[in-house]
Amino acid sequence: MNMANRRKKIVVIGGGTGTFTVLSGLKKYPVDLSAVVSMADDGGSTGVLREEFGMLPTGDVRRALVALSSHSSKLLADLFSYRFREGSVNGHSFGNLMLTALERVTGSFEEAIAVASRLLNVQGNVIPVTYSNVRLYAELADGAVIRGETNIDIPKHDGTVSVKRVWLHPKARANPKAIHAIRNADLIIVGPGDLYTSIIPNIVVSGIRNAICQSRAKKGYITNLMTKYGETHGFSGNDFLMELEKYLAPGVFDTILINTTKPSAQILKRYKRERAQWIDYGDITGTVAVRTPLLRGGNLVRHDPAKLAKALMNMV
């Protein structure tokens, strides 16, 4: 095959709504997509299923499956995202329950994802970063240790205290398929997403950091739009970059994608009540910084999938 005509292999690393947005935009292009997703989630429906069934986290896997679904009927993707609001299944999403049932029927979480991928006609690969059953821990600047992704994500402690470091326990072994995808990628995308609960939990899995740094792929970082209380309170743009490079390597990114459109003062005022602040990336300079409008319309501060995908495709 002519290498110039070969479909580019793009790996998106993260979890949560940020990864969902990136995948939703990129799936409309003729590329080979792989989503390497975090296995540290332990909140909400996912947390209950982990405790009651001994399941691996389903939440980020479910979101990535729905994002990559190309089923002719949108109903199936909507069904997978449906969340019950009453009864004994209150709070559970159908997709989480479905993956739990498939794991029981097939005998493995990996096969459950494969079956769900076929049902949803997923165009790409959803790859858990590890199959190790792990918990996320964070040490704060004041020495306190927080156990569990959800307790970091929704802090019961003083969320203005900065995170010193995060790690997984027990030590996680990387999924070989994740390593293979990263090593053979043409483009690796990190973010956007919660720094300590969606992005870094992938990087601290044994073998992932080296795979990213040693890969010959171009590497891009999509910057966040807002800070997050309990994780990145008071962060500047450069704080995000320096923290990521601490877990990876200085200068690891070929491109840092930065949004240039600012939401209205009214929208930012609403976010301020949630103790989230708009991030100014003026302190990031140099040729690696690419600034372009990426904001989606509406009342929520979110990246636009189409604008994001177009900017990413310019990198490959």
C-alpha atoms as a PDB file:
ATOM      1  CA  MET A   1       0.000   0.000   0.000  1.00  0.00           C
ATOM      2  CA  ASN A   2       1.193   3.505  -0.800  1.00  0.00           C
ATOM      3  CA  MET A   3       2.195   4.938   2.586  1.00  0.00           C
ATOM      4  CA  ALA A   4       0.835   8.347   1.599  1.00  0.00           C
ATOM      5  CA  ASN A   5      -2.633   6.798   1.105  1.00  0.00           C
ATOM      6  CA  ARG A   6      -2.568   4.630   4.223  1.00  0.00           C
ATOM      7  CA  ARG A   7      -5.234   5.443   6.797  1.00  0.00           C
ATOM      8  CA  LYS A   8      -3.599   7.317   9.648  1.00  0.00           C
ATOM      9  CA  LYS A   9      -3.644   5.637  13.038  1.00  0.00           C
ATOM     10  CA  ILE A  10      -4.769   7.969  15.801  1.00  0.00           C
ATOM     11  CA  VAL A  11      -4.718   7.066  19.495  1.00  0.00           C
ATOM     12  CA  VAL A  12      -6.704   9.165  21.964  1.00  0.00           C
ATOM     13  CA  ILE A  13      -5.670   8.800  25.615  1.00  0.00           C
ATOM     14  CA  GLY A  14      -7.896   9.890  28.483  1.00  0.00           C
ATOM     15  CA  GLY A  15     -11.415   9.355  29.751  1.00  0.00           C
ATOM     16  CA  GLY A  16     -14.649  11.148  30.519  1.00  0.00           C
ATOM     17  CA  THR A  17     -16.433  13.721  28.383  1.00  0.00           C
ATOM     18  CA  GLY A  18     -13.222  15.106  26.877  1.00  0.00           C
ATOM     19  CA  THR A  19     -12.336  11.822  25.184  1.00  0.00           C
ATOM     20  CA  PHE A  20     -15.973  11.436  24.098  1.00  0.00           C
ATOM     21  CA  THR A  21     -15.798  14.815  22.344  1.00  0.00           C
ATOM     22  CA  VAL A  22     -12.535  14.039  20.529  1.00  0.00           C
ATOM     23  CA  LEU A  23     -13.738  10.625  19.352  1.00  0.00           C
ATOM     24  CA  SER A  24     -17.118  11.985  18.241  1.00  0.00           C
ATOM     25  CA  GLY A  25     -15.384  14.449  15.930  1.00  0.00           C
ATOM     26  CA  LEU A  26     -12.605  12.236  14.595  1.00  0.00           C
ATOM     27  CA  LYS A  27     -14.837   9.244  13.726  1.00  0.00           C
ATOM     28  CA  LYS A  28     -16.186  11.226  10.756  1.00  0.00           C
ATOM     29  CA  TYR A  29     -12.758  11.142   9.096  1.00  0.00           C
ATOM     30  CA  PRO A  30     -11.129   8.181   7.265  1.00  0.00           C
ATOM     31  CA  VAL A  31      -8.707   7.281  10.074  1.00  0.00           C
ATOM     32  CA  ASP A  32      -8.051   4.244  12.269  1.00  0.00           C
ATOM     33  CA  LEU A  33      -9.115   5.332  15.753  1.00  0.00           C
ATOM     34  CA  SER A  34      -8.165   3.781  19.077  1.00  0.00           C
ATOM     35  CA  ALA A  35      -9.298   5.059  22.459  1.00  0.00           C
ATOM     36  CA  VAL A  36      -7.056   4.129  25.387  1.00  0.00           C
ATOM     37  CA  VAL A  37      -9.222   4.790  28.428  1.00  0.00           C
ATOM     38  CA  SER A  38      -8.633   5.017  32.153  1.00  0.00           C
ATOM     39  CA  MET A  39      -9.544   2.178  34.501  1.00  0.00           C
ATOM     40  CA  ALA A  40      -9.501   4.254  37.694  1.00  0.00           C
ATOM     41  CA  ASP A  41     -13.158   5.354  37.817  1.00  0.00           C
ATOM     42  CA  ASP A  42     -14.947   4.319  41.018  1.00  0.00           C
ATOM     43  CA  GLY A  43     -17.814   6.787  41.328  1.00  0.00           C
ATOM     44  CA  GLY A  44     -21.548   6.663  40.640  1.00  0.00           C
ATOM     45  CA  SER A  45     -22.950   3.664  38.776  1.00  0.00           C
ATOM     46  CA  THR A  46     -19.464   2.395  37.951  1.00  0.00           C
ATOM     47  CA  GLY A  47     -18.451   2.467  41.620  1.00  0.00           C
ATOM     48  CA  VAL A  48     -21.525   0.514  42.701  1.00  0.00           C
ATOM     49  CA  LEU A  49     -20.910  -2.163  40.060  1.00  0.00           C
ATOM     50  CA  ARG A  50     -17.254  -2.414  41.087  1.00  0.00           C
ATOM     51  CA  GLU A  51     -18.248  -3.007  44.698  1.00  0.00           C
ATOM     52  CA  GLU A  52     -21.212  -5.315  44.135  1.00  0.00           C
ATOM     53  CA  PHE A  53     -19.961  -7.376  41.173  1.00  0.00           C
ATOM     54  CA  GLY A  54     -16.183  -7.029  41.383  1.00  0.00           C
ATOM     55  CA  MET A  55     -16.316  -5.431  37.920  1.00  0.00           C
ATOM     56  CA  LEU A  56     -13.627  -3.394  36.252  1.00  0.00           C
ATOM     57  CA  PRO A  57     -14.760   0.217  35.662  1.00  0.00           C
ATOM     58  CA  THR A  58     -17.339   0.464  32.891  1.00  0.00           C
ATOM     59  CA  GLY A  59     -17.975   4.223  32.680  1.00  0.00           C
ATOM     60  CA  ASP A  60     -15.149   5.438  30.441  1.00  0.00           C
ATOM     61  CA  VAL A  61     -15.406   2.320  28.272  1.00  0.00           C
ATOM     62  CA  ARG A  62     -19.137   2.922  27.775  1.00  0.00           C
ATOM     63  CA  ARG A  63     -18.613   6.571  26.805  1.00  0.00           C
ATOM     64  CA  ALA A  64     -15.943   5.661  24.254  1.00  0.00           C
ATOM     65  CA  LEU A  65     -18.123   2.909  22.751  1.00  0.00           C
ATOM     66  CA  VAL A  66     -21.025   5.330  22.312  1.00  0.00           C
ATOM     67  CA  ALA A  67     -18.744   8.019  20.860  1.00  0.00           C
ATOM     68  CA  LEU A  68     -17.400   5.597  18.232  1.00  0.00           C
ATOM     69  CA  SER A  69     -20.748   3.999  17.412  1.00  0.00           C
ATOM     70  CA  SER A  70     -21.745   4.323  13.752  1.00  0.00           C
ATOM     71  CA  HIS A  71     -24.925   2.276  13.982  1.00  0.00           C
ATOM     72  CA  SER A  72     -27.514   3.382  11.437  1.00  0.00           C
ATOM     73  CA  SER A  73     -29.999   3.764  14.265  1.00  0.00           C
ATOM     74  CA  LYS A  74     -29.016   6.367  16.845  1.00  0.00           C
ATOM     75  CA  LEU A  75     -31.482   4.653  19.181  1.00  0.00           C
ATOM     76  CA  LEU A  76     -28.987   1.963  20.170  1.00  0.00           C
ATOM     77  CA  ALA A  77     -26.340   4.515  21.188  1.00  0.00           C
ATOM     78  CA  ASP A  78     -28.986   6.477  23.100  1.00  0.00           C
ATOM     79  CA  LEU A  79     -30.062   3.258  24.817  1.00  0.00           C
ATOM     80  CA  PHE A  80     -26.479   2.563  25.909  1.00  0.00           C
ATOM     81  CA  SER A  81     -26.308   6.070  27.400  1.00  0.00           C
ATOM     82  CA  TYR A  82     -29.719   5.915  29.081  1.00  0.00           C
ATOM     83  CA  ARG A  83     -29.596   6.430  32.849  1.00  0.00           C
ATOM     84  CA  PHE A  84     -32.347   5.114  35.120  1.00  0.00           C
ATOM     85  CA  ARG A  85     -33.860   7.652  37.529  1.00  0.00           C
ATOM     86  CA  GLU A  86     -35.984   5.420  39.741  1.00  0.00           C
ATOM     87  CA  GLY A  87     -36.243   2.029  41.424  1.00  0.00           C
ATOM     88  CA  SER A  88     -33.427  -0.256  42.488  1.00  0.00           C
ATOM     89  CA  VAL A  89     -31.455   0.636  39.355  1.00  0.00           C
ATOM     90  CA  ASN A  90     -31.631   4.379  40.073  1.00  0.00           C
ATOM     91  CA  GLY A  91     -28.425   6.065  38.933  1.00  0.00           C
ATOM     92  CA  HIS A  92     -27.263   3.205  36.736  1.00  0.00           C
ATOM     93  CA  SER A  93     -26.767   3.646  33.008  1.00  0.00           C
ATOM     94  CA  PHE A  94     -28.057   0.892  30.741  1.00  0.00           C
ATOM     95  CA  GLY A  95     -24.631   0.623  29.099  1.00  0.00           C
ATOM     96  CA  ASN A  96     -22.915  -0.061  32.423  1.00  0.00           C
ATOM     97  CA  LEU A  97     -25.452  -2.779  33.247  1.00  0.00           C
ATOM     98  CA  MET A  98     -25.107  -4.214  29.747  1.00  0.00           C
ATOM     99  CA  LEU A  99     -21.319  -4.438  30.012  1.00  0.00           C
ATOM    100  CA  THR A 100     -21.684  -6.092  33.419  1.00  0.00           C
ATOM    101  CA  ALA A 101     -24.084  -8.675  31.979  1.00  0.00           C
ATOM    102  CA  LEU A 102     -21.861  -9.265  28.954  1.00  0.00           C
ATOM    103  CA  GLU A 103     -18.857  -9.812  31.226  1.00  0.00           C
ATOM    104  CA  ARG A 104     -20.815 -12.494  33.081  1.00  0.00           C
ATOM    105  CA  VAL A 105     -22.065 -14.143  29.870  1.00  0.00           C
ATOM    106  CA  THR A 106     -18.764 -14.086  27.965  1.00  0.00           C
ATOM    107  CA  GLY A 107     -16.483 -14.671  30.944  1.00  0.00           C
ATOM    108  CA  SER A 108     -14.188 -11.688  30.396  1.00  0.00           C
ATOM    109  CA  PHE A 109     -14.315  -7.916  30.341  1.00  0.00           C
ATOM    110  CA  GLU A 110     -12.284  -7.862  27.129  1.00  0.00           C
ATOM    111  CA  GLU A 111     -14.819 -10.052  25.337  1.00  0.00           C
ATOM    112  CA  ALA A 112     -17.682  -7.984  26.771  1.00  0.00           C
ATOM    113  CA  ILE A 113     -16.193  -4.896  25.109  1.00  0.00           C
ATOM    114  CA  ALA A 114     -15.758  -6.818  21.833  1.00  0.00           C
ATOM    115  CA  VAL A 115     -19.431  -7.896  21.810  1.00  0.00           C
ATOM    116  CA  ALA A 116     -20.641  -4.392  22.726  1.00  0.00           C
ATOM    117  CA  SER A 117     -18.459  -2.980  19.933  1.00  0.00           C
ATOM    118  CA  ARG A 118     -20.182  -5.244  17.415  1.00  0.00           C
ATOM    119  CA  LEU A 119     -23.644  -4.364  18.725  1.00  0.00           C
ATOM    120  CA  LEU A 120     -22.925  -0.643  18.423  1.00  0.00           C
ATOM    121  CA  ASN A 121     -21.041  -1.017  15.133  1.00  0.00           C
ATOM    122  CA  VAL A 122     -18.065   0.768  16.646  1.00  0.00           C
ATOM    123  CA  GLN A 123     -15.668   2.242  14.101  1.00  0.00           C
ATOM    124  CA  GLY A 124     -12.399   1.941  15.981  1.00  0.00           C
ATOM    125  CA  ASN A 125     -11.034   0.253  19.065  1.00  0.00           C
ATOM    126  CA  VAL A 126     -11.858   0.873  22.713  1.00  0.00           C
ATOM    127  CA  ILE A 127      -8.878  -0.286  24.761  1.00  0.00           C
ATOM    128  CA  PRO A 128      -8.781  -0.296  28.575  1.00  0.00           C
ATOM    129  CA  VAL A 129      -5.334   0.935  29.587  1.00  0.00           C
ATOM    130  CA  THR A 130      -5.084  -1.991  32.028  1.00  0.00           C
ATOM    131  CA  TYR A 131      -7.063  -5.008  33.180  1.00  0.00           C
ATOM    132  CA  SER A 132      -5.567  -4.722  36.678  1.00  0.00           C
ATOM    133  CA  ASN A 133      -8.137  -3.960  39.373  1.00  0.00           C
ATOM    134  CA  VAL A 134      -6.680  -0.739  40.755  1.00  0.00           C
ATOM    135  CA  ARG A 135      -7.578   2.311  42.832  1.00  0.00           C
ATOM    136  CA  LEU A 136      -6.335   5.846  42.321  1.00  0.00           C
ATOM    137  CA  TYR A 137      -4.576   7.613  45.199  1.00  0.00           C
ATOM    138  CA  ALA A 138      -3.524  11.247  45.554  1.00  0.00           C
ATOM    139  CA  GLU A 139      -1.127  12.883  47.993  1.00  0.00           C
ATOM    140  CA  LEU A 140      -1.956  16.518  48.644  1.00  0.00           C
ATOM    141  CA  ALA A 141       0.462  19.351  49.335  1.00  0.00           C
ATOM    142  CA  ASP A 142      -0.452  19.230  53.042  1.00  0.00           C
ATOM    143  CA  GLY A 143       0.488  15.521  53.248  1.00  0.00           C
ATOM    144  CA  ALA A 144      -3.064  14.142  53.261  1.00  0.00           C
ATOM    145  CA  VAL A 145      -3.662  11.012  51.142  1.00  0.00           C
ATOM    146  CA  ILE A 146      -6.971  10.667  49.282  1.00  0.00           C
ATOM    147  CA  ARG A 147      -8.138   7.195  48.210  1.00  0.00           C
ATOM    148  CA  GLY A 148     -10.394   6.754  45.225  1.00  0.00           C
ATOM    149  CA  GLU A 149     -10.978   8.593  41.959  1.00  0.00           C
ATOM    150  CA  THR A 150     -14.373   9.893  43.007  1.00  0.00           C
ATOM    151  CA  ASN A 151     -12.987  11.377  46.251  1.00  0.00           C
ATOM    152  CA  ILE A 152     -10.401  13.281  44.234  1.00  0.00           C
ATOM    153  CA  ASP A 153     -12.921  14.270  41.565  1.00  0.00           C
ATOM    154  CA  ILE A 154     -15.591  15.387  44.066  1.00  0.00           C
ATOM    155  CA  PRO A 155     -13.510  16.478  47.082  1.00  0.00           C
ATOM    156  CA  LYS A 156     -14.742  16.199  50.639  1.00  0.00           C
ATOM    157  CA  HIS A 157     -11.464  17.846  51.664  1.00  0.00           C
ATOM    158  CA  ASP A 158     -10.330  21.422  51.008  1.00  0.00           C
ATOM    159  CA  GLY A 159     -10.262  21.525  47.210  1.00  0.00           C
ATOM    160  CA  THR A 160      -7.909  24.507  47.146  1.00  0.00           C
ATOM    161  CA  VAL A 161      -5.052  22.325  48.432  1.00  0.00           C
ATOM    162  CA  SER A 162      -2.985  21.256  45.430  1.00  0.00           C
ATOM    163  CA  VAL A 163      -2.300  17.670  44.410  1.00  0.00           C
ATOM    164  CA  LYS A 164       1.334  16.708  44.914  1.00  0.00           C
ATOM    165  CA  ARG A 165       1.231  13.353  43.106  1.00  0.00           C
ATOM    166  CA  VAL A 166      -1.106  10.535  42.095  1.00  0.00           C
ATOM    167  CA  TRP A 167      -0.551   6.794  41.732  1.00  0.00           C
ATOM    168  CA  LEU A 168      -2.401   3.517  41.288  1.00  0.00           C
ATOM    169  CA  HIS A 169      -2.512   0.702  43.836  1.00  0.00           C
ATOM    170  CA  PRO A 170      -1.826  -2.084  43.345  1.00  0.00           C
ATOM    171  CA  LYS A 171       0.664  -1.448  40.579  1.00  0.00           C
ATOM    172  CA  ALA A 172      -1.085  -1.674  37.236  1.00  0.00           C
ATOM    173  CA  ARG A 173       0.225  -3.677  34.305  1.00  0.00           C
ATOM    174  CA  ALA A 174      -0.468  -2.159  30.894  1.00  0.00           C
ATOM    175  CA  ASN A 175      -2.848  -3.840  28.480  1.00  0.00           C
ATOM    176  CA  PRO A 176      -0.575  -5.128  25.659  1.00  0.00           C
ATOM    177  CA  LYS A 177      -3.111  -3.833  23.111  1.00  0.00           C
ATOM    178  CA  ALA A 178      -2.714  -0.326  24.533  1.00  0.00           C
ATOM    179  CA  ILE A 179       1.069  -0.525  24.212  1.00  0.00           C
ATOM    180  CA  HIS A 180       0.774  -1.827  20.643  1.00  0.00           C
ATOM    181  CA  ALA A 181      -1.645   0.930  19.610  1.00  0.00           C
ATOM    182  CA  ILE A 182       0.564   3.668  21.079  1.00  0.00           C
ATOM    183  CA  ARG A 183       3.768   2.332  19.533  1.00  0.00           C
ATOM    184  CA  ASN A 184       2.195   2.034  16.071  1.00  0.00           C
ATOM    185  CA  ALA A 185       0.289   5.323  16.052  1.00  0.00           C
ATOM    186  CA  ASP A 186       0.792   8.175  13.626  1.00  0.00           C
ATOM    187  CA  LEU A 187      -0.739  10.635  16.074  1.00  0.00           C
ATOM    188  CA  ILE A 188      -1.219  10.394  19.856  1.00  0.00           C
ATOM    189  CA  ILE A 189      -3.712  12.769  21.424  1.00  0.00           C
ATOM    190  CA  VAL A 190      -3.725  13.453  25.174  1.00  0.00           C
ATOM    191  CA  GLY A 191      -6.735  15.247  26.664  1.00  0.00           C
ATOM    192  CA  PRO A 192      -8.804  17.208  27.159  1.00  0.00           C
ATOM    193  CA  GLY A 193     -10.014  15.965  30.523  1.00  0.00           C
ATOM    194  CA  ASP A 194      -9.560  16.110  34.261  1.00  0.00           C
ATOM    195  CA  LEU A 195      -5.816  16.083  34.767  1.00  0.00           C
ATOM    196  CA  TYR A 196      -5.492  13.824  37.796  1.00  0.00           C
ATOM    197  CA  THR A 197      -8.576  11.621  37.379  1.00  0.00           C
ATOM    198  CA  SER A 198      -8.880  11.086  33.606  1.00  0.00           C
ATOM    199  CA  ILE A 199      -5.489  11.690  31.964  1.00  0.00           C
ATOM    200  CA  ILE A 200      -2.656  10.896  34.376  1.00  0.00           C
ATOM    201  CA  PRO A 201      -4.251   7.592  35.589  1.00  0.00           C
ATOM    202  CA  ASN A 202      -3.424   6.273  32.109  1.00  0.00           C
ATOM    203  CA  ILE A 203       0.165   7.514  32.147  1.00  0.00           C
ATOM    204  CA  VAL A 204       1.046   6.010  35.548  1.00  0.00           C
ATOM    205  CA  VAL A 205       0.172   2.502  34.351  1.00  0.00           C
ATOM    206  CA  SER A 206       3.460   0.628  34.046  1.00  0.00           C
ATOM    207  CA  GLY A 207       4.765   0.764  30.474  1.00  0.00           C
ATOM    208  CA  ILE A 208       2.462   3.489  29.140  1.00  0.00           C
ATOM    209  CA  ARG A 209       4.797   6.420  29.742  1.00  0.00           C
ATOM    210  CA  ASN A 210       7.683   4.724  27.927  1.00  0.00           C
ATOM    211  CA  ALA A 211       5.413   3.667  25.067  1.00  0.00           C
ATOM    212  CA  ILE A 212       4.256   7.265  24.560  1.00  0.00           C
ATOM    213  CA  CYS A 213       7.712   8.811  24.828  1.00  0.00           C
ATOM    214  CA  GLN A 214       9.347   6.211  22.569  1.00  0.00           C
ATOM    215  CA  SER A 215       6.609   6.195  19.932  1.00  0.00           C
ATOM    216  CA  ARG A 216       7.526   7.858  16.639  1.00  0.00           C
ATOM    217  CA  ALA A 217       4.017   9.314  16.429  1.00  0.00           C
ATOM    218  CA  LYS A 218       3.322  13.010  16.523  1.00  0.00           C
ATOM    219  CA  LYS A 219       2.037  13.907  19.978  1.00  0.00           C
ATOM    220  CA  GLY A 220      -0.598  16.494  20.707  1.00  0.00           C
ATOM    221  CA  TYR A 221      -2.064  17.848  23.912  1.00  0.00           C
ATOM    222  CA  ILE A 222      -5.547  19.382  23.880  1.00  0.00           C
ATOM    223  CA  THR A 223      -5.710  21.910  26.677  1.00  0.00           C
ATOM    224  CA  ASN A 224      -8.626  22.180  29.093  1.00  0.00           C
ATOM    225  CA  LEU A 225     -10.965  25.170  29.070  1.00  0.00           C
ATOM    226  CA  MET A 226     -11.648  25.491  32.818  1.00  0.00           C
ATOM    227  CA  THR A 227      -9.857  24.633  36.047  1.00  0.00           C
ATOM    228  CA  LYS A 228     -11.413  22.044  38.355  1.00  0.00           C
ATOM    229  CA  TYR A 229     -11.900  22.512  42.079  1.00  0.00           C
ATOM    230  CA  GLY A 230     -10.125  19.731  43.953  1.00  0.00           C
ATOM    231  CA  GLU A 231      -7.673  19.010  41.129  1.00  0.00           C
ATOM    232  CA  THR A 232      -6.375  22.065  39.306  1.00  0.00           C
ATOM    233  CA  HIS A 233      -7.732  24.964  41.354  1.00  0.00           C
ATOM    234  CA  GLY A 234      -5.790  28.136  40.533  1.00  0.00           C
ATOM    235  CA  PHE A 235      -3.757  26.505  37.734  1.00  0.00           C
ATOM    236  CA  SER A 236      -2.326  28.584  34.915  1.00  0.00           C
ATOM    237  CA  GLY A 237      -1.996  27.111  31.442  1.00  0.00           C
ATOM    238  CA  ASN A 238       1.678  26.372  31.978  1.00  0.00           C
ATOM    239  CA  ASP A 239       0.892  24.580  35.257  1.00  0.00           C
ATOM    240  CA  PHE A 240      -1.121  22.002  33.284  1.00  0.00           C
ATOM    241  CA  LEU A 241       1.694  21.479  30.809  1.00  0.00           C
ATOM    242  CA  MET A 242       4.426  21.241  33.448  1.00  0.00           C
ATOM    243  CA  GLU A 243       2.448  18.706  35.457  1.00  0.00           C
ATOM    244  CA  LEU A 244       1.834  16.517  32.408  1.00  0.00           C
ATOM    245  CA  GLU A 245       5.490  16.710  31.429  1.00  0.00           C
ATOM    246  CA  LYS A 246       6.434  15.675  34.962  1.00  0.00           C
ATOM    247  CA  TYR A 247       4.686  12.348  34.361  1.00  0.00           C
ATOM    248  CA  LEU A 248       5.844  12.042  30.733  1.00  0.00           C
ATOM    249  CA  ALA A 249       8.934  14.023  29.681  1.00  0.00           C
ATOM    250  CA  PRO A 250       9.842  17.680  29.039  1.00  0.00           C
ATOM    251  CA  GLY A 251       9.065  18.748  25.492  1.00  0.00           C
ATOM    252  CA  VAL A 252       7.189  15.524  24.705  1.00  0.00           C
ATOM    253  CA  PHE A 253       4.404  17.277  22.768  1.00  0.00           C
ATOM    254  CA  ASP A 254       4.816  18.355  19.159  1.00  0.00           C
ATOM    255  CA  THR A 255       1.636  20.435  19.314  1.00  0.00           C
ATOM    256  CA  ILE A 256      -0.326  22.044  22.142  1.00  0.00           C
ATOM    257  CA  LEU A 257      -3.824  22.883  20.950  1.00  0.00           C
ATOM    258  CA  ILE A 258      -5.237  25.991  22.627  1.00  0.00           C
ATOM    259  CA  ASN A 259      -8.730  27.433  22.235  1.00  0.00           C
ATOM    260  CA  THR A 260      -8.985  31.170  21.538  1.00  0.00           C
ATOM    261  CA  THR A 261     -12.739  31.764  21.986  1.00  0.00           C
ATOM    262  CA  LYS A 262     -13.899  32.961  25.392  1.00  0.00           C
ATOM    263  CA  PRO A 263     -17.397  32.296  26.780  1.00  0.00           C
ATOM    264  CA  SER A 264     -19.665  35.137  27.869  1.00  0.00           C
ATOM    265  CA  ALA A 265     -19.225  36.743  31.282  1.00  0.00           C
ATOM    266  CA  GLN A 266     -22.626  35.353  32.286  1.00  0.00           C
ATOM    267  CA  ILE A 267     -21.557  31.766  31.589  1.00  0.00           C
ATOM    268  CA  LEU A 268     -18.235  32.230  33.397  1.00  0.00           C
ATOM    269  CA  LYS A 269     -20.074  33.693  36.392  1.00  0.00           C
ATOM    270  CA  ARG A 270     -22.116  30.493  36.652  1.00  0.00           C
ATOM    271  CA  TYR A 271     -18.957  28.368  36.545  1.00  0.00           C
ATOM    272  CA  LYS A 272     -17.366  30.571  39.184  1.00  0.00           C
ATOM    273  CA  ARG A 273     -20.076  29.433  41.606  1.00  0.00           C
ATOM    274  CA  GLU A 274     -18.719  25.917  41.043  1.00  0.00           C
ATOM    275  CA  ARG A 275     -15.235  27.303  41.792  1.00  0.00           C
ATOM    276  CA  ALA A 276     -14.091  26.682  38.216  1.00  0.00           C
ATOM    277  CA  GLN A 277     -12.021  29.350  36.478  1.00  0.00           C
ATOM    278  CA  TRP A 278     -11.314  30.176  32.836  1.00  0.00           C
ATOM    279  CA  ILE A 279      -7.737  29.237  31.913  1.00  0.00           C
ATOM    280  CA  ASP A 280      -5.516  31.787  30.208  1.00  0.00           C
ATOM    281  CA  TYR A 281      -2.796  30.066  28.196  1.00  0.00           C
ATOM    282  CA  GLY A 282      -0.823  33.242  27.572  1.00  0.00           C
ATOM    283  CA  ASP A 283       2.098  31.788  29.528  1.00  0.00           C
ATOM    284  CA  ILE A 284       2.548  29.011  26.939  1.00  0.00           C
ATOM    285  CA  THR A 285       4.651  30.249  24.038  1.00  0.00           C
ATOM    286  CA  GLY A 286       6.664  28.803  21.191  1.00  0.00           C
ATOM    287  CA  THR A 287       6.072  26.999  17.933  1.00  0.00           C
ATOM    288  CA  VAL A 288       4.349  24.036  19.590  1.00  0.00           C
ATOM    289  CA  ALA A 289       1.383  26.185  20.646  1.00  0.00           C
ATOM    290  CA  VAL A 290      -1.418  26.229  18.055  1.00  0.00           C
ATOM    291  CA  ARG A 291      -4.206  28.683  18.875  1.00  0.00           C
ATOM    292  CA  THR A 292      -7.574  28.358  17.152  1.00  0.00           C
ATOM    293  CA  PRO A 293     -11.303  28.741  17.984  1.00  0.00           C
ATOM    294  CA  LEU A 294     -12.500  25.457  19.492  1.00  0.00           C
ATOM    295  CA  LEU A 295     -15.416  26.465  21.711  1.00  0.00           C
ATOM    296  CA  ARG A 296     -18.850  24.944  21.178  1.00  0.00           C
ATOM    297  CA  GLY A 297     -21.919  27.165  21.275  1.00  0.00           C
ATOM    298  CA  GLY A 298     -24.462  26.940  24.077  1.00  0.00           C
ATOM    299  CA  ASN A 299     -24.488  27.454  27.822  1.00  0.00           C
ATOM    300  CA  LEU A 300     -21.835  24.865  28.667  1.00  0.00           C
ATOM    301  CA  VAL A 301     -18.113  25.462  28.270  1.00  0.00           C
ATOM    302  CA  ARG A 302     -17.191  22.573  26.001  1.00  0.00           C
ATOM    303  CA  HIS A 303     -14.975  21.889  23.004  1.00  0.00           C
ATOM    304  CA  ASP A 304     -16.734  21.636  19.659  1.00  0.00           C
ATOM    305  CA  PRO A 305     -16.185  18.101  18.230  1.00  0.00           C
ATOM    306  CA  ALA A 306     -16.074  19.239  14.588  1.00  0.00           C
ATOM    307  CA  LYS A 307     -13.675  22.144  15.198  1.00  0.00           C
ATOM    308  CA  LEU A 308     -11.469  19.955  17.359  1.00  0.00           C
ATOM    309  CA  ALA A 309     -11.333  17.147  14.803  1.00  0.00           C
ATOM    310  CA  LYS A 310     -10.468  19.559  11.991  1.00  0.00           C
ATOM    311  CA  ALA A 311      -7.592  21.018  14.010  1.00  0.00           C
ATOM    312  CA  LEU A 312      -6.321  17.530  14.865  1.00  0.00           C
ATOM    313  CA  MET A 313      -6.482  16.338  11.262  1.00  0.00           C
ATOM    314  CA  ASN A 314      -4.254  19.272  10.311  1.00  0.00           C
ATOM    315  CA  MET A 315      -1.597  17.619  12.468  1.00  0.00           C
ATOM    316  CA  VAL A 316      -1.578  14.440  10.345  1.00  0.00           C
END
